[in-house]
Amino acid sequence: MMKPLISICCQTYNHASYIRECIDGFLMQQTTFPVEILIHDDASSDGTDNIIREYEAKYPDLIFPIYQTENQYSRGIRVASINYQLRRRRLLDRSVETTKTSSFPGIAQ
């Protein structure tokens, strides 16, 4: 797997009416480099997490979600810090993987 050059960080809470359009917007971008999409769902109660899971299943090499069981914002925890920690963990995980080729939607061939 190629290291992503760009990480798209999306934060969501109870956006079931909008999250498909948002993720589809990310997926339709044309690039000449690999990207990844980090989606942080902050314990949505309206089904947002189920929609994210659909996309995660369809694009497992591209979409990397964080699913909270308790709303972090209400606890005073900065979501940007959580996204940074996920990004750092993903980079460390990749450093031990063997190199594989993989295609990303939206990357010009």
C-alpha atoms as a PDB file:
ATOM      1  CA  MET A   1       0.000   0.000   0.000  1.00  0.00           C
ATOM      2  CA  MET A   2       1.276   3.423  -0.923  1.00  0.00           C
ATOM      3  CA  LYS A   3       1.596   5.983   1.857  1.00  0.00           C
ATOM      4  CA  PRO A   4      -1.043   8.673   1.499  1.00  0.00           C
ATOM      5  CA  LEU A   5       0.231  12.112   0.698  1.00  0.00           C
ATOM      6  CA  ILE A   6      -2.984  13.729   1.926  1.00  0.00           C
ATOM      7  CA  SER A   7      -5.185  12.825   4.883  1.00  0.00           C
ATOM      8  CA  ILE A   8      -8.720  14.156   4.775  1.00  0.00           C
ATOM      9  CA  CYS A   9     -10.040  14.532   8.326  1.00  0.00           C
ATOM     10  CA  CYS A  10     -13.805  14.638   8.727  1.00  0.00           C
ATOM     11  CA  GLN A  11     -15.496  15.203  12.074  1.00  0.00           C
ATOM     12  CA  THR A  12     -19.151  14.336  12.431  1.00  0.00           C
ATOM     13  CA  TYR A  13     -21.906  14.184  15.010  1.00  0.00           C
ATOM     14  CA  ASN A  14     -25.518  13.414  14.080  1.00  0.00           C
ATOM     15  CA  HIS A  15     -25.065  14.255  10.385  1.00  0.00           C
ATOM     16  CA  ALA A  16     -26.966  11.292   8.903  1.00  0.00           C
ATOM     17  CA  SER A  17     -28.748  13.628   6.473  1.00  0.00           C
ATOM     18  CA  TYR A  18     -25.445  14.984   5.125  1.00  0.00           C
ATOM     19  CA  ILE A  19     -22.636  12.457   5.612  1.00  0.00           C
ATOM     20  CA  ARG A  20     -23.198  10.560   2.327  1.00  0.00           C
ATOM     21  CA  GLU A  21     -22.879  13.767   0.317  1.00  0.00           C
ATOM     22  CA  CYS A  22     -19.770  14.682   2.276  1.00  0.00           C
ATOM     23  CA  ILE A  23     -18.030  11.322   1.772  1.00  0.00           C
ATOM     24  CA  ASP A  24     -19.083  11.161  -1.881  1.00  0.00           C
ATOM     25  CA  GLY A  25     -17.520  14.602  -2.314  1.00  0.00           C
ATOM     26  CA  PHE A  26     -14.229  13.287  -0.935  1.00  0.00           C
ATOM     27  CA  LEU A  27     -14.371  10.209  -3.171  1.00  0.00           C
ATOM     28  CA  MET A  28     -15.012  12.142  -6.375  1.00  0.00           C
ATOM     29  CA  GLN A  29     -11.827  14.196  -6.090  1.00  0.00           C
ATOM     30  CA  GLN A  30      -9.302  13.450  -8.828  1.00  0.00           C
ATOM     31  CA  THR A  31      -5.705  13.276  -7.666  1.00  0.00           C
ATOM     32  CA  THR A  32      -2.401  11.944  -8.927  1.00  0.00           C
ATOM     33  CA  PHE A  33      -1.348  10.833  -5.442  1.00  0.00           C
ATOM     34  CA  PRO A  34      -2.738   8.541  -2.740  1.00  0.00           C
ATOM     35  CA  VAL A  35      -5.107   9.896  -0.113  1.00  0.00           C
ATOM     36  CA  GLU A  36      -6.846   8.567   2.967  1.00  0.00           C
ATOM     37  CA  ILE A  37     -10.085   9.643   4.622  1.00  0.00           C
ATOM     38  CA  LEU A  38     -10.181   9.737   8.417  1.00  0.00           C
ATOM     39  CA  ILE A  39     -13.727  10.056   9.737  1.00  0.00           C
ATOM     40  CA  HIS A  40     -14.336  10.716  13.419  1.00  0.00           C
ATOM     41  CA  ASP A  41     -17.907  10.007  14.522  1.00  0.00           C
ATOM     42  CA  ASP A  42     -18.408  11.506  17.975  1.00  0.00           C
ATOM     43  CA  ALA A  43     -21.076   9.043  19.218  1.00  0.00           C
ATOM     44  CA  SER A  44     -23.844  10.006  16.813  1.00  0.00           C
ATOM     45  CA  SER A  45     -27.288   8.725  17.740  1.00  0.00           C
ATOM     46  CA  ASP A  46     -29.003   9.244  14.372  1.00  0.00           C
ATOM     47  CA  GLY A  47     -27.409   6.462  12.308  1.00  0.00           C
ATOM     48  CA  THR A  48     -24.449   8.447  11.024  1.00  0.00           C
ATOM     49  CA  ASP A  49     -22.161   5.648  12.207  1.00  0.00           C
ATOM     50  CA  ASN A  50     -24.065   3.053  10.150  1.00  0.00           C
ATOM     51  CA  ILE A  51     -23.629   5.129   6.998  1.00  0.00           C
ATOM     52  CA  ILE A  52     -19.905   5.480   7.688  1.00  0.00           C
ATOM     53  CA  ARG A  53     -19.686   1.691   8.183  1.00  0.00           C
ATOM     54  CA  GLU A  54     -21.199   1.178   4.703  1.00  0.00           C
ATOM     55  CA  TYR A  55     -18.458   3.307   3.156  1.00  0.00           C
ATOM     56  CA  GLU A  56     -15.785   1.707   5.330  1.00  0.00           C
ATOM     57  CA  ALA A  57     -16.835  -1.739   4.024  1.00  0.00           C
ATOM     58  CA  LYS A  58     -16.825  -0.519   0.422  1.00  0.00           C
ATOM     59  CA  TYR A  59     -13.485   1.360   0.654  1.00  0.00           C
ATOM     60  CA  PRO A  60     -11.449  -0.421   3.362  1.00  0.00           C
ATOM     61  CA  ASP A  61      -8.092   0.818   2.015  1.00  0.00           C
ATOM     62  CA  LEU A  62      -9.253   4.421   1.880  1.00  0.00           C
ATOM     63  CA  ILE A  63     -11.687   5.152   4.720  1.00  0.00           C
ATOM     64  CA  PHE A  64     -10.506   4.856   8.317  1.00  0.00           C
ATOM     65  CA  PRO A  65     -13.122   5.777  10.903  1.00  0.00           C
ATOM     66  CA  ILE A  66     -13.073   6.345  14.628  1.00  0.00           C
ATOM     67  CA  TYR A  67     -16.343   5.433  16.337  1.00  0.00           C
ATOM     68  CA  GLN A  68     -16.844   6.938  19.773  1.00  0.00           C
ATOM     69  CA  THR A  69     -19.295   5.388  22.238  1.00  0.00           C
ATOM     70  CA  GLU A  70     -19.379   8.548  24.350  1.00  0.00           C
ATOM     71  CA  ASN A  71     -19.431  12.066  22.958  1.00  0.00           C
ATOM     72  CA  GLN A  72     -15.915  13.450  23.342  1.00  0.00           C
ATOM     73  CA  TYR A  73     -16.799  17.081  22.705  1.00  0.00           C
ATOM     74  CA  SER A  74     -19.160  17.112  25.695  1.00  0.00           C
ATOM     75  CA  ARG A  75     -16.277  15.791  27.820  1.00  0.00           C
ATOM     76  CA  GLY A  76     -14.031  18.663  26.694  1.00  0.00           C
ATOM     77  CA  ILE A  77     -11.756  16.459  24.571  1.00  0.00           C
ATOM     78  CA  ARG A  78     -10.415  18.084  21.430  1.00  0.00           C
ATOM     79  CA  VAL A  79     -11.333  16.058  18.353  1.00  0.00           C
ATOM     80  CA  ALA A  80      -8.324  17.359  16.433  1.00  0.00           C
ATOM     81  CA  SER A  81      -6.103  15.599  18.944  1.00  0.00           C
ATOM     82  CA  ILE A  82      -7.952  12.314  18.376  1.00  0.00           C
ATOM     83  CA  ASN A  83      -7.618  12.659  14.590  1.00  0.00           C
ATOM     84  CA  TYR A  84      -3.901  13.364  14.958  1.00  0.00           C
ATOM     85  CA  GLN A  85      -3.477  10.251  17.110  1.00  0.00           C
ATOM     86  CA  LEU A  86      -5.292   8.121  14.514  1.00  0.00           C
ATOM     87  CA  ARG A  87      -3.152   9.524  11.704  1.00  0.00           C
ATOM     88  CA  ARG A  88       0.035   8.844  13.652  1.00  0.00           C
ATOM     89  CA  ARG A  89      -1.063   5.279  14.464  1.00  0.00           C
ATOM     90  CA  ARG A  90      -1.900   4.645  10.795  1.00  0.00           C
ATOM     91  CA  LEU A  91       1.564   5.821   9.758  1.00  0.00           C
ATOM     92  CA  LEU A  92       3.222   3.558  12.330  1.00  0.00           C
ATOM     93  CA  ASP A  93       1.106   0.590  11.207  1.00  0.00           C
ATOM     94  CA  ARG A  94       2.127   1.179   7.606  1.00  0.00           C
ATOM     95  CA  SER A  95       5.806   1.284   8.461  1.00  0.00           C
ATOM     96  CA  VAL A  96       5.704  -2.422   9.404  1.00  0.00           C
ATOM     97  CA  GLU A  97       3.529  -3.591   6.504  1.00  0.00           C
ATOM     98  CA  THR A  98       5.034  -5.036   3.386  1.00  0.00           C
ATOM     99  CA  THR A  99       4.691  -2.845   0.343  1.00  0.00           C
ATOM    100  CA  LYS A 100       1.624  -3.660  -1.722  1.00  0.00           C
ATOM    101  CA  THR A 101       0.069  -1.875  -4.632  1.00  0.00           C
ATOM    102  CA  SER A 102      -3.474  -0.788  -4.164  1.00  0.00           C
ATOM    103  CA  SER A 103      -5.812   1.420  -6.111  1.00  0.00           C
ATOM    104  CA  PHE A 104      -7.588   4.385  -4.606  1.00  0.00           C
ATOM    105  CA  PRO A 105     -10.821   5.768  -6.062  1.00  0.00           C
ATOM    106  CA  GLY A 106     -10.286   9.245  -7.442  1.00  0.00           C
ATOM    107  CA  ILE A 107      -6.614   8.769  -8.328  1.00  0.00           C
ATOM    108  CA  ALA A 108      -5.831   9.410 -11.955  1.00  0.00           C
ATOM    109  CA  GLN A 109      -4.194   6.353 -13.513  1.00  0.00           C
END
